[in-house]
Amino acid sequence: MRSHGDRGHMTELDIAGYIDRGLGAQRRDDIEDHLAVCAECRQNLAESQRLVNRVRRPRRIAAAGGLIGLAAVALIFVRAPLSKTSNLPQERVMREATPSTKIPAYAPIGTISQQNVRFIWGTAPRASAYRITLSSTDGTTVWSATVRDTSALLPDSVALQPDAAYVWFVDATLSDGSTRSTTLQQIQVNRETK
């Protein structure tokens, strides 16, 4: 993992490339492994994604290079305020930054390998638990788990079929009994090569 300074965190270019889905498979896997253990980088990624979503307009389609540049510039301005507010309660920062009821889903999205499938999503304010569900496209549940963190590793005992498509989503149970969810994310398993 390339580091930002001496802290070992994702760089602005890492985050921009990840948001724009412009990274190679190995680099994306490295970043997803880091996101699974680093709450600060997950927060920076969530803030950057929100900023990019606010800037995008439905009728305007930007070139991939433009989006990467926009996200990188945005991070320069967002990163400093994030570090200044790190002493504030996390709940307050998230409530102000998240007007939507959707939880962002980060990974995996698109084509994946069958080994070490790690699901990563954003935080929901006041969440007491997260329920992740992986299903086949016909709606049959393949695997489900309840976790307290914003990532989960698919157990080795769950075998995904090569060339098969699956969908996954996460429901967060909030302390007041309400829920928030990600949108459905579709993944396709690579054909195994020997």
N, C-alpha and C. Protein backbone atom coordinates (compact mmCIF):
# COMPACT_ATOMS: atom_id res chain seq x y z
N MET A 1 0.86 -1.18 0.00
CA MET A 1 0.00 0.00 0.00
C MET A 1 0.90 1.23 0.00
N ARG A 2 0.69 2.10 -0.95
CA ARG A 2 1.39 3.38 -0.93
C ARG A 2 0.92 4.16 0.27
N SER A 3 1.80 4.92 0.83
CA SER A 3 1.40 5.61 2.05
C SER A 3 1.26 7.10 1.82
N HIS A 4 0.49 7.71 2.69
CA HIS A 4 0.36 9.16 2.73
C HIS A 4 1.18 9.60 3.93
N GLY A 5 2.35 10.10 3.66
CA GLY A 5 3.24 10.43 4.76
C GLY A 5 3.75 9.16 5.40
N ASP A 6 3.89 9.19 6.71
CA ASP A 6 4.38 8.02 7.43
C ASP A 6 3.24 7.20 8.03
N ARG A 7 2.00 7.58 7.76
CA ARG A 7 0.88 6.94 8.44
C ARG A 7 0.37 5.68 7.74
N GLY A 8 0.76 5.43 6.49
CA GLY A 8 0.33 4.24 5.79
C GLY A 8 -1.08 4.31 5.26
N HIS A 9 -1.69 5.50 5.22
CA HIS A 9 -3.06 5.64 4.75
C HIS A 9 -3.10 5.82 3.24
N MET A 10 -4.29 5.73 2.69
CA MET A 10 -4.50 5.92 1.26
C MET A 10 -4.18 7.36 0.87
N THR A 11 -3.58 7.52 -0.31
CA THR A 11 -3.32 8.86 -0.83
C THR A 11 -4.58 9.38 -1.51
N GLU A 12 -4.58 10.66 -1.82
CA GLU A 12 -5.72 11.25 -2.53
C GLU A 12 -5.92 10.58 -3.88
N LEU A 13 -4.82 10.24 -4.55
CA LEU A 13 -4.93 9.56 -5.85
C LEU A 13 -5.49 8.16 -5.69
N ASP A 14 -5.14 7.46 -4.60
CA ASP A 14 -5.72 6.14 -4.34
C ASP A 14 -7.24 6.25 -4.22
N ILE A 15 -7.69 7.23 -3.44
CA ILE A 15 -9.12 7.40 -3.21
C ILE A 15 -9.82 7.79 -4.50
N ALA A 16 -9.23 8.71 -5.25
CA ALA A 16 -9.84 9.13 -6.52
C ALA A 16 -9.93 7.96 -7.50
N GLY A 17 -8.87 7.19 -7.62
CA GLY A 17 -8.89 6.04 -8.51
C GLY A 17 -9.89 4.98 -8.08
N TYR A 18 -10.02 4.81 -6.77
CA TYR A 18 -10.97 3.83 -6.26
C TYR A 18 -12.41 4.27 -6.54
N ILE A 19 -12.71 5.53 -6.30
CA ILE A 19 -14.06 6.05 -6.56
C ILE A 19 -14.39 5.95 -8.05
N ASP A 20 -13.42 6.25 -8.89
CA ASP A 20 -13.65 6.25 -10.33
C ASP A 20 -13.55 4.85 -10.95
N ARG A 21 -13.20 3.85 -10.13
CA ARG A 21 -13.03 2.47 -10.60
C ARG A 21 -11.98 2.38 -11.71
N GLY A 22 -10.92 3.16 -11.54
CA GLY A 22 -9.86 3.19 -12.53
C GLY A 22 -8.61 2.44 -12.11
N LEU A 23 -8.70 1.63 -11.07
CA LEU A 23 -7.54 0.89 -10.57
C LEU A 23 -7.53 -0.53 -11.11
N GLY A 24 -6.34 -1.11 -11.19
CA GLY A 24 -6.23 -2.51 -11.55
C GLY A 24 -6.73 -3.40 -10.42
N ALA A 25 -6.97 -4.66 -10.74
CA ALA A 25 -7.56 -5.59 -9.76
C ALA A 25 -6.69 -5.73 -8.52
N GLN A 26 -5.37 -5.85 -8.68
CA GLN A 26 -4.48 -6.03 -7.52
C GLN A 26 -4.47 -4.79 -6.64
N ARG A 27 -4.40 -3.62 -7.26
CA ARG A 27 -4.38 -2.38 -6.49
C ARG A 27 -5.70 -2.18 -5.74
N ARG A 28 -6.81 -2.50 -6.42
CA ARG A 28 -8.13 -2.39 -5.78
C ARG A 28 -8.21 -3.35 -4.59
N ASP A 29 -7.71 -4.57 -4.75
CA ASP A 29 -7.70 -5.54 -3.65
C ASP A 29 -6.87 -5.04 -2.47
N ASP A 30 -5.69 -4.44 -2.76
CA ASP A 30 -4.85 -3.89 -1.69
C ASP A 30 -5.59 -2.79 -0.92
N ILE A 31 -6.25 -1.93 -1.67
CA ILE A 31 -6.99 -0.83 -1.04
C ILE A 31 -8.15 -1.37 -0.21
N GLU A 32 -8.87 -2.35 -0.73
CA GLU A 32 -10.00 -2.92 0.02
C GLU A 32 -9.52 -3.61 1.29
N ASP A 33 -8.36 -4.26 1.24
CA ASP A 33 -7.80 -4.85 2.45
C ASP A 33 -7.48 -3.76 3.48
N HIS A 34 -6.93 -2.64 3.01
CA HIS A 34 -6.61 -1.54 3.92
C HIS A 34 -7.90 -0.92 4.47
N LEU A 35 -8.91 -0.74 3.63
CA LEU A 35 -10.17 -0.16 4.09
C LEU A 35 -10.83 -1.03 5.17
N ALA A 36 -10.62 -2.31 5.09
CA ALA A 36 -11.23 -3.22 6.06
C ALA A 36 -10.71 -3.00 7.48
N VAL A 37 -9.50 -2.47 7.59
CA VAL A 37 -8.90 -2.29 8.92
C VAL A 37 -8.67 -0.84 9.31
N CYS A 38 -8.96 0.10 8.41
CA CYS A 38 -8.64 1.51 8.69
C CYS A 38 -9.90 2.37 8.64
N ALA A 39 -10.41 2.72 9.80
CA ALA A 39 -11.62 3.54 9.88
C ALA A 39 -11.38 4.95 9.32
N GLU A 40 -10.18 5.48 9.50
CA GLU A 40 -9.89 6.83 8.99
C GLU A 40 -9.98 6.88 7.46
N CYS A 41 -9.42 5.89 6.80
CA CYS A 41 -9.48 5.86 5.33
C CYS A 41 -10.89 5.58 4.84
N ARG A 42 -11.66 4.75 5.57
CA ARG A 42 -13.06 4.54 5.19
C ARG A 42 -13.82 5.85 5.29
N GLN A 43 -13.57 6.62 6.33
CA GLN A 43 -14.24 7.91 6.50
C GLN A 43 -13.83 8.88 5.39
N ASN A 44 -12.53 8.94 5.08
CA ASN A 44 -12.08 9.82 4.00
C ASN A 44 -12.70 9.41 2.66
N LEU A 45 -12.80 8.12 2.41
CA LEU A 45 -13.40 7.63 1.18
C LEU A 45 -14.89 8.00 1.14
N ALA A 46 -15.59 7.85 2.25
CA ALA A 46 -17.01 8.19 2.29
C ALA A 46 -17.22 9.68 2.05
N GLU A 47 -16.40 10.53 2.68
CA GLU A 47 -16.51 11.98 2.49
C GLU A 47 -16.23 12.36 1.04
N SER A 48 -15.23 11.73 0.45
CA SER A 48 -14.89 12.03 -0.95
C SER A 48 -16.01 11.59 -1.88
N GLN A 49 -16.58 10.42 -1.64
CA GLN A 49 -17.68 9.94 -2.48
C GLN A 49 -18.88 10.88 -2.37
N ARG A 50 -19.19 11.34 -1.17
CA ARG A 50 -20.30 12.29 -1.01
C ARG A 50 -20.04 13.58 -1.78
N LEU A 51 -18.81 14.06 -1.70
CA LEU A 51 -18.46 15.29 -2.41
C LEU A 51 -18.58 15.11 -3.92
N VAL A 52 -18.09 14.01 -4.43
CA VAL A 52 -18.20 13.74 -5.87
C VAL A 52 -19.67 13.60 -6.26
N ASN A 53 -20.47 12.95 -5.45
CA ASN A 53 -21.90 12.80 -5.76
C ASN A 53 -22.60 14.15 -5.80
N ARG A 54 -22.22 15.07 -4.90
CA ARG A 54 -22.84 16.40 -4.90
C ARG A 54 -22.45 17.20 -6.13
N VAL A 55 -21.24 17.01 -6.61
CA VAL A 55 -20.75 17.78 -7.75
C VAL A 55 -21.32 17.26 -9.07
N ARG A 56 -21.53 15.97 -9.16
CA ARG A 56 -22.04 15.38 -10.40
C ARG A 56 -23.45 15.86 -10.67
N ARG A 57 -23.75 16.10 -11.93
CA ARG A 57 -25.09 16.47 -12.34
C ARG A 57 -25.61 15.39 -13.27
N PRO A 58 -26.91 15.04 -13.18
CA PRO A 58 -27.44 13.94 -13.98
C PRO A 58 -27.23 14.10 -15.48
N ARG A 59 -27.29 15.32 -16.02
CA ARG A 59 -27.18 15.49 -17.46
C ARG A 59 -25.75 15.61 -17.93
N ARG A 60 -24.82 15.79 -17.01
CA ARG A 60 -23.44 16.02 -17.39
C ARG A 60 -22.62 14.76 -17.15
N ILE A 61 -21.99 14.27 -18.18
CA ILE A 61 -21.12 13.10 -18.05
C ILE A 61 -19.69 13.57 -18.19
N ALA A 62 -18.91 13.37 -17.15
CA ALA A 62 -17.52 13.81 -17.16
C ALA A 62 -16.61 12.69 -17.62
N ALA A 63 -15.50 13.03 -18.20
CA ALA A 63 -14.51 12.05 -18.62
C ALA A 63 -13.83 11.46 -17.38
N ALA A 64 -13.33 10.25 -17.50
CA ALA A 64 -12.71 9.56 -16.37
C ALA A 64 -11.56 10.38 -15.78
N GLY A 65 -10.75 10.96 -16.60
CA GLY A 65 -9.63 11.78 -16.11
C GLY A 65 -10.12 12.98 -15.34
N GLY A 66 -11.21 13.56 -15.78
CA GLY A 66 -11.77 14.72 -15.08
C GLY A 66 -12.27 14.36 -13.70
N LEU A 67 -12.91 13.19 -13.58
CA LEU A 67 -13.40 12.76 -12.27
C LEU A 67 -12.27 12.49 -11.30
N ILE A 68 -11.22 11.87 -11.80
CA ILE A 68 -10.07 11.61 -10.92
C ILE A 68 -9.48 12.92 -10.45
N GLY A 69 -9.32 13.87 -11.37
CA GLY A 69 -8.79 15.17 -10.99
C GLY A 69 -9.69 15.89 -10.01
N LEU A 70 -10.99 15.85 -10.25
CA LEU A 70 -11.96 16.49 -9.36
C LEU A 70 -11.89 15.90 -7.97
N ALA A 71 -11.86 14.57 -7.89
CA ALA A 71 -11.81 13.92 -6.58
C ALA A 71 -10.49 14.24 -5.87
N ALA A 72 -9.40 14.28 -6.60
CA ALA A 72 -8.10 14.59 -5.99
C ALA A 72 -8.09 16.01 -5.45
N VAL A 73 -8.61 16.96 -6.24
CA VAL A 73 -8.68 18.35 -5.78
C VAL A 73 -9.61 18.46 -4.58
N ALA A 74 -10.75 17.78 -4.64
CA ALA A 74 -11.70 17.82 -3.55
C ALA A 74 -11.08 17.30 -2.26
N LEU A 75 -10.28 16.26 -2.36
CA LEU A 75 -9.65 15.70 -1.17
C LEU A 75 -8.68 16.67 -0.51
N ILE A 76 -8.04 17.47 -1.32
CA ILE A 76 -7.11 18.44 -0.75
C ILE A 76 -7.86 19.39 0.17
N PHE A 77 -9.06 19.79 -0.24
CA PHE A 77 -9.85 20.72 0.56
C PHE A 77 -10.62 20.03 1.67
N VAL A 78 -11.00 18.76 1.49
CA VAL A 78 -11.79 18.04 2.49
C VAL A 78 -10.90 17.45 3.58
N ARG A 79 -9.72 17.01 3.23
CA ARG A 79 -8.85 16.30 4.17
C ARG A 79 -8.51 17.15 5.39
N ALA A 80 -8.17 18.42 5.21
CA ALA A 80 -7.81 19.28 6.35
C ALA A 80 -8.97 19.45 7.31
N PRO A 81 -10.19 19.79 6.85
CA PRO A 81 -11.29 19.90 7.80
C PRO A 81 -11.59 18.59 8.51
N LEU A 82 -11.41 17.45 7.83
CA LEU A 82 -11.67 16.16 8.48
C LEU A 82 -10.73 15.94 9.66
N SER A 83 -9.46 16.26 9.47
CA SER A 83 -8.53 16.04 10.58
C SER A 83 -8.79 17.03 11.71
N LYS A 84 -9.27 18.22 11.41
CA LYS A 84 -9.57 19.19 12.46
C LYS A 84 -10.78 18.79 13.28
N THR A 85 -11.74 18.10 12.67
CA THR A 85 -12.96 17.71 13.37
C THR A 85 -12.86 16.33 13.98
N SER A 86 -11.69 15.70 13.93
CA SER A 86 -11.59 14.33 14.43
C SER A 86 -11.84 14.22 15.92
N ASN A 87 -11.73 15.33 16.69
CA ASN A 87 -12.00 15.29 18.11
C ASN A 87 -13.49 15.42 18.43
N LEU A 88 -14.30 15.78 17.43
CA LEU A 88 -15.74 15.87 17.64
C LEU A 88 -16.34 14.48 17.67
N PRO A 89 -17.48 14.31 18.30
CA PRO A 89 -18.12 13.01 18.29
C PRO A 89 -18.42 12.56 16.85
N GLN A 90 -18.11 11.31 16.55
CA GLN A 90 -18.30 10.77 15.20
C GLN A 90 -19.75 10.90 14.76
N GLU A 91 -20.68 10.69 15.66
CA GLU A 91 -22.10 10.74 15.32
C GLU A 91 -22.47 12.12 14.76
N ARG A 92 -22.01 13.18 15.39
CA ARG A 92 -22.34 14.54 14.95
C ARG A 92 -21.78 14.81 13.55
N VAL A 93 -20.54 14.43 13.30
CA VAL A 93 -19.92 14.65 12.00
C VAL A 93 -20.68 13.88 10.93
N MET A 94 -21.03 12.64 11.19
CA MET A 94 -21.73 11.83 10.20
C MET A 94 -23.13 12.38 9.95
N ARG A 95 -23.84 12.81 10.96
CA ARG A 95 -25.21 13.29 10.78
C ARG A 95 -25.21 14.52 9.88
N GLU A 96 -24.26 15.42 10.08
CA GLU A 96 -24.19 16.62 9.26
C GLU A 96 -23.79 16.31 7.83
N ALA A 97 -22.97 15.30 7.63
CA ALA A 97 -22.45 15.01 6.30
C ALA A 97 -23.32 14.04 5.52
N THR A 98 -24.32 13.43 6.14
CA THR A 98 -25.09 12.39 5.48
C THR A 98 -26.57 12.72 5.46
N PRO A 99 -27.02 13.52 4.50
CA PRO A 99 -28.44 13.83 4.45
C PRO A 99 -29.26 12.66 3.90
N SER A 100 -28.63 11.74 3.22
CA SER A 100 -29.32 10.63 2.60
C SER A 100 -29.58 9.51 3.60
N THR A 101 -30.55 8.67 3.32
CA THR A 101 -30.80 7.51 4.17
C THR A 101 -30.08 6.28 3.66
N LYS A 102 -29.34 6.39 2.59
CA LYS A 102 -28.60 5.26 2.04
C LYS A 102 -27.21 5.18 2.65
N ILE A 103 -26.74 3.96 2.82
CA ILE A 103 -25.37 3.71 3.26
C ILE A 103 -24.54 3.48 2.00
N PRO A 104 -23.37 4.10 1.87
CA PRO A 104 -22.55 3.83 0.69
C PRO A 104 -21.97 2.41 0.73
N ALA A 105 -21.99 1.75 -0.42
CA ALA A 105 -21.38 0.42 -0.56
C ALA A 105 -20.10 0.60 -1.37
N TYR A 106 -18.97 0.13 -0.83
CA TYR A 106 -17.69 0.36 -1.48
C TYR A 106 -17.18 -0.85 -2.25
N ALA A 107 -17.26 -2.03 -1.69
CA ALA A 107 -16.64 -3.17 -2.35
C ALA A 107 -17.24 -4.46 -1.84
N PRO A 108 -17.25 -5.49 -2.64
CA PRO A 108 -16.83 -5.52 -4.03
C PRO A 108 -17.96 -5.06 -4.95
N ILE A 109 -17.56 -4.55 -6.10
CA ILE A 109 -18.50 -4.15 -7.14
C ILE A 109 -17.88 -4.60 -8.46
N GLY A 110 -18.66 -5.19 -9.33
CA GLY A 110 -18.14 -5.63 -10.62
C GLY A 110 -17.63 -7.05 -10.56
N THR A 111 -16.57 -7.32 -11.31
CA THR A 111 -16.01 -8.66 -11.40
C THR A 111 -15.02 -8.89 -10.27
N ILE A 112 -15.14 -10.06 -9.63
CA ILE A 112 -14.29 -10.37 -8.48
C ILE A 112 -13.65 -11.73 -8.66
N SER A 113 -12.59 -11.98 -7.90
CA SER A 113 -12.04 -13.33 -7.82
C SER A 113 -12.76 -14.05 -6.69
N GLN A 114 -12.61 -15.34 -6.63
CA GLN A 114 -13.35 -16.12 -5.65
C GLN A 114 -12.65 -16.18 -4.29
N GLN A 115 -11.39 -15.76 -4.22
CA GLN A 115 -10.64 -15.83 -2.98
C GLN A 115 -10.77 -14.52 -2.20
N ASN A 116 -10.84 -14.64 -0.89
CA ASN A 116 -10.81 -13.49 0.02
C ASN A 116 -11.78 -12.37 -0.37
N VAL A 117 -13.04 -12.71 -0.53
CA VAL A 117 -14.04 -11.71 -0.88
C VAL A 117 -14.39 -10.94 0.39
N ARG A 118 -14.07 -9.64 0.38
CA ARG A 118 -14.33 -8.80 1.54
C ARG A 118 -15.35 -7.74 1.13
N PHE A 119 -16.42 -7.63 1.91
CA PHE A 119 -17.47 -6.65 1.68
C PHE A 119 -17.19 -5.44 2.57
N ILE A 120 -17.27 -4.24 1.98
CA ILE A 120 -16.97 -3.02 2.71
C ILE A 120 -18.05 -1.99 2.39
N TRP A 121 -18.55 -1.34 3.44
CA TRP A 121 -19.60 -0.33 3.27
C TRP A 121 -19.35 0.80 4.25
N GLY A 122 -20.09 1.88 4.09
CA GLY A 122 -19.93 3.05 4.96
C GLY A 122 -20.68 2.90 6.26
N THR A 123 -20.42 3.82 7.16
CA THR A 123 -21.06 3.79 8.47
C THR A 123 -22.44 4.43 8.41
N ALA A 124 -23.28 4.00 9.30
CA ALA A 124 -24.59 4.63 9.52
C ALA A 124 -24.57 5.19 10.94
N PRO A 125 -24.93 6.46 11.09
CA PRO A 125 -24.92 7.05 12.44
C PRO A 125 -25.82 6.26 13.39
N ARG A 126 -25.34 6.04 14.58
CA ARG A 126 -26.08 5.34 15.64
C ARG A 126 -26.40 3.88 15.29
N ALA A 127 -25.62 3.27 14.41
CA ALA A 127 -25.88 1.86 14.06
C ALA A 127 -25.44 0.96 15.20
N SER A 128 -26.32 0.03 15.58
CA SER A 128 -25.95 -0.94 16.62
C SER A 128 -25.44 -2.23 16.00
N ALA A 129 -25.82 -2.52 14.75
CA ALA A 129 -25.36 -3.72 14.05
C ALA A 129 -25.64 -3.58 12.56
N TYR A 130 -24.89 -4.34 11.77
CA TYR A 130 -25.08 -4.38 10.32
C TYR A 130 -25.38 -5.82 9.92
N ARG A 131 -26.35 -5.99 9.04
CA ARG A 131 -26.70 -7.32 8.52
C ARG A 131 -26.36 -7.33 7.05
N ILE A 132 -25.38 -8.17 6.65
CA ILE A 132 -25.01 -8.28 5.25
C ILE A 132 -25.65 -9.53 4.67
N THR A 133 -26.17 -9.42 3.45
CA THR A 133 -26.81 -10.54 2.78
C THR A 133 -26.25 -10.66 1.37
N LEU A 134 -25.81 -11.86 1.01
CA LEU A 134 -25.34 -12.17 -0.34
C LEU A 134 -26.33 -13.17 -0.93
N SER A 135 -26.85 -12.84 -2.12
CA SER A 135 -27.86 -13.70 -2.74
C SER A 135 -27.50 -13.97 -4.19
N SER A 136 -28.04 -15.05 -4.72
CA SER A 136 -27.95 -15.27 -6.16
C SER A 136 -28.93 -14.31 -6.81
N THR A 137 -28.85 -14.14 -8.11
CA THR A 137 -29.71 -13.16 -8.78
C THR A 137 -31.18 -13.57 -8.77
N ASP A 138 -31.48 -14.84 -8.45
CA ASP A 138 -32.89 -15.25 -8.35
C ASP A 138 -33.46 -14.99 -6.96
N GLY A 139 -32.64 -14.40 -6.05
CA GLY A 139 -33.11 -14.04 -4.72
C GLY A 139 -32.81 -15.05 -3.64
N THR A 140 -32.19 -16.16 -3.97
CA THR A 140 -31.85 -17.17 -2.97
C THR A 140 -30.66 -16.70 -2.15
N THR A 141 -30.81 -16.68 -0.83
CA THR A 141 -29.73 -16.24 0.04
C THR A 141 -28.61 -17.27 0.03
N VAL A 142 -27.39 -16.81 -0.26
CA VAL A 142 -26.21 -17.66 -0.29
C VAL A 142 -25.49 -17.59 1.06
N TRP A 143 -25.47 -16.38 1.65
CA TRP A 143 -24.78 -16.17 2.92
C TRP A 143 -25.31 -14.90 3.55
N SER A 144 -25.37 -14.91 4.86
CA SER A 144 -25.81 -13.74 5.60
C SER A 144 -25.10 -13.74 6.95
N ALA A 145 -24.79 -12.54 7.44
CA ALA A 145 -24.12 -12.43 8.73
C ALA A 145 -24.46 -11.09 9.37
N THR A 146 -24.43 -11.06 10.70
CA THR A 146 -24.61 -9.82 11.44
C THR A 146 -23.27 -9.46 12.06
N VAL A 147 -22.82 -8.21 11.81
CA VAL A 147 -21.52 -7.74 12.30
C VAL A 147 -21.68 -6.35 12.90
N ARG A 148 -20.66 -5.92 13.65
CA ARG A 148 -20.69 -4.58 14.24
C ARG A 148 -19.79 -3.61 13.46
N ASP A 149 -18.87 -4.14 12.66
CA ASP A 149 -17.95 -3.31 11.88
C ASP A 149 -18.55 -3.03 10.50
N THR A 150 -17.86 -2.23 9.69
CA THR A 150 -18.35 -1.91 8.35
C THR A 150 -17.63 -2.73 7.28
N SER A 151 -17.25 -3.94 7.64
CA SER A 151 -16.68 -4.87 6.66
C SER A 151 -16.92 -6.29 7.15
N ALA A 152 -16.94 -7.19 6.20
CA ALA A 152 -17.11 -8.61 6.52
C ALA A 152 -16.41 -9.44 5.46
N LEU A 153 -15.74 -10.50 5.88
CA LEU A 153 -15.05 -11.40 4.97
C LEU A 153 -15.94 -12.61 4.72
N LEU A 154 -16.13 -12.94 3.45
CA LEU A 154 -16.92 -14.12 3.09
C LEU A 154 -16.17 -15.36 3.57
N PRO A 155 -16.81 -16.22 4.36
CA PRO A 155 -16.11 -17.42 4.86
C PRO A 155 -15.69 -18.34 3.72
N ASP A 156 -14.58 -19.05 3.92
CA ASP A 156 -14.10 -20.01 2.92
C ASP A 156 -15.12 -21.11 2.67
N SER A 157 -15.99 -21.37 3.63
CA SER A 157 -16.99 -22.43 3.47
C SER A 157 -18.09 -22.08 2.47
N VAL A 158 -18.17 -20.81 2.07
CA VAL A 158 -19.17 -20.38 1.09
C VAL A 158 -18.49 -20.36 -0.28
N ALA A 159 -18.88 -21.29 -1.14
CA ALA A 159 -18.28 -21.41 -2.48
C ALA A 159 -19.14 -20.66 -3.49
N LEU A 160 -18.53 -19.70 -4.16
CA LEU A 160 -19.22 -18.97 -5.23
C LEU A 160 -18.93 -19.66 -6.56
N GLN A 161 -19.92 -19.70 -7.42
CA GLN A 161 -19.79 -20.38 -8.70
C GLN A 161 -19.10 -19.48 -9.72
N PRO A 162 -18.11 -20.02 -10.46
CA PRO A 162 -17.46 -19.23 -11.51
C PRO A 162 -18.49 -18.79 -12.56
N ASP A 163 -18.32 -17.60 -13.07
CA ASP A 163 -19.19 -16.99 -14.08
C ASP A 163 -20.60 -16.73 -13.57
N ALA A 164 -20.83 -16.88 -12.28
CA ALA A 164 -22.16 -16.62 -11.72
C ALA A 164 -22.25 -15.18 -11.23
N ALA A 165 -23.45 -14.63 -11.28
CA ALA A 165 -23.70 -13.28 -10.78
C ALA A 165 -24.40 -13.38 -9.43
N TYR A 166 -24.06 -12.46 -8.54
CA TYR A 166 -24.65 -12.38 -7.21
C TYR A 166 -24.97 -10.92 -6.90
N VAL A 167 -25.82 -10.71 -5.92
CA VAL A 167 -26.09 -9.36 -5.42
C VAL A 167 -25.88 -9.36 -3.91
N TRP A 168 -25.46 -8.22 -3.39
CA TRP A 168 -25.30 -8.09 -1.95
C TRP A 168 -25.80 -6.72 -1.50
N PHE A 169 -26.20 -6.67 -0.24
CA PHE A 169 -26.64 -5.42 0.37
C PHE A 169 -26.45 -5.52 1.87
N VAL A 170 -26.47 -4.37 2.52
CA VAL A 170 -26.30 -4.30 3.97
C VAL A 170 -27.46 -3.49 4.54
N ASP A 171 -28.03 -3.99 5.63
CA ASP A 171 -29.02 -3.26 6.40
C ASP A 171 -28.40 -2.91 7.74
N ALA A 172 -28.48 -1.64 8.12
CA ALA A 172 -27.99 -1.20 9.43
C ALA A 172 -29.18 -1.04 10.35
N THR A 173 -29.09 -1.62 11.54
CA THR A 173 -30.10 -1.42 12.56
C THR A 173 -29.63 -0.29 13.46
N LEU A 174 -30.42 0.78 13.53
CA LEU A 174 -30.04 1.94 14.32
C LEU A 174 -30.55 1.81 15.75
N SER A 175 -29.97 2.58 16.64
CA SER A 175 -30.33 2.48 18.06
C SER A 175 -31.80 2.80 18.34
N ASP A 176 -32.45 3.55 17.45
CA ASP A 176 -33.87 3.87 17.64
C ASP A 176 -34.79 2.81 17.02
N GLY A 177 -34.22 1.73 16.46
CA GLY A 177 -35.01 0.65 15.87
C GLY A 177 -35.23 0.79 14.38
N SER A 178 -34.91 1.94 13.80
CA SER A 178 -35.06 2.12 12.36
C SER A 178 -33.89 1.47 11.63
N THR A 179 -33.96 1.43 10.31
CA THR A 179 -32.90 0.83 9.52
C THR A 179 -32.48 1.75 8.39
N ARG A 180 -31.26 1.56 7.94
CA ARG A 180 -30.72 2.17 6.72
C ARG A 180 -30.08 1.05 5.93
N SER A 181 -30.05 1.22 4.61
CA SER A 181 -29.53 0.15 3.75
C SER A 181 -28.66 0.70 2.65
N THR A 182 -27.82 -0.18 2.12
CA THR A 182 -27.11 0.12 0.88
C THR A 182 -28.06 -0.19 -0.27
N THR A 183 -27.69 0.24 -1.45
CA THR A 183 -28.41 -0.23 -2.63
C THR A 183 -27.89 -1.63 -2.96
N LEU A 184 -28.59 -2.35 -3.83
CA LEU A 184 -28.12 -3.66 -4.26
C LEU A 184 -26.86 -3.49 -5.09
N GLN A 185 -25.85 -4.28 -4.80
CA GLN A 185 -24.59 -4.25 -5.54
C GLN A 185 -24.43 -5.59 -6.24
N GLN A 186 -24.22 -5.56 -7.55
CA GLN A 186 -24.05 -6.81 -8.28
C GLN A 186 -22.58 -7.12 -8.47
N ILE A 187 -22.24 -8.39 -8.28
CA ILE A 187 -20.87 -8.85 -8.52
C ILE A 187 -20.92 -10.06 -9.44
N GLN A 188 -19.86 -10.25 -10.19
CA GLN A 188 -19.73 -11.39 -11.10
C GLN A 188 -18.43 -12.08 -10.74
N VAL A 189 -18.48 -13.39 -10.56
CA VAL A 189 -17.28 -14.15 -10.19
C VAL A 189 -16.50 -14.50 -11.43
N ASN A 190 -15.19 -14.22 -11.41
CA ASN A 190 -14.30 -14.60 -12.52
C ASN A 190 -14.34 -16.09 -12.75
N ARG A 191 -14.18 -16.49 -14.00
CA ARG A 191 -14.01 -17.91 -14.32
C ARG A 191 -12.65 -18.32 -13.77
N GLU A 192 -12.61 -19.44 -13.10
CA GLU A 192 -11.35 -19.91 -12.52
C GLU A 192 -10.41 -20.33 -13.63
N THR A 193 -9.15 -19.93 -13.49
CA THR A 193 -8.12 -20.34 -14.45
C THR A 193 -7.13 -21.22 -13.73
N LYS A 194 -6.68 -22.25 -14.40
CA LYS A 194 -5.74 -23.19 -13.78
C LYS A 194 -4.41 -23.14 -14.44
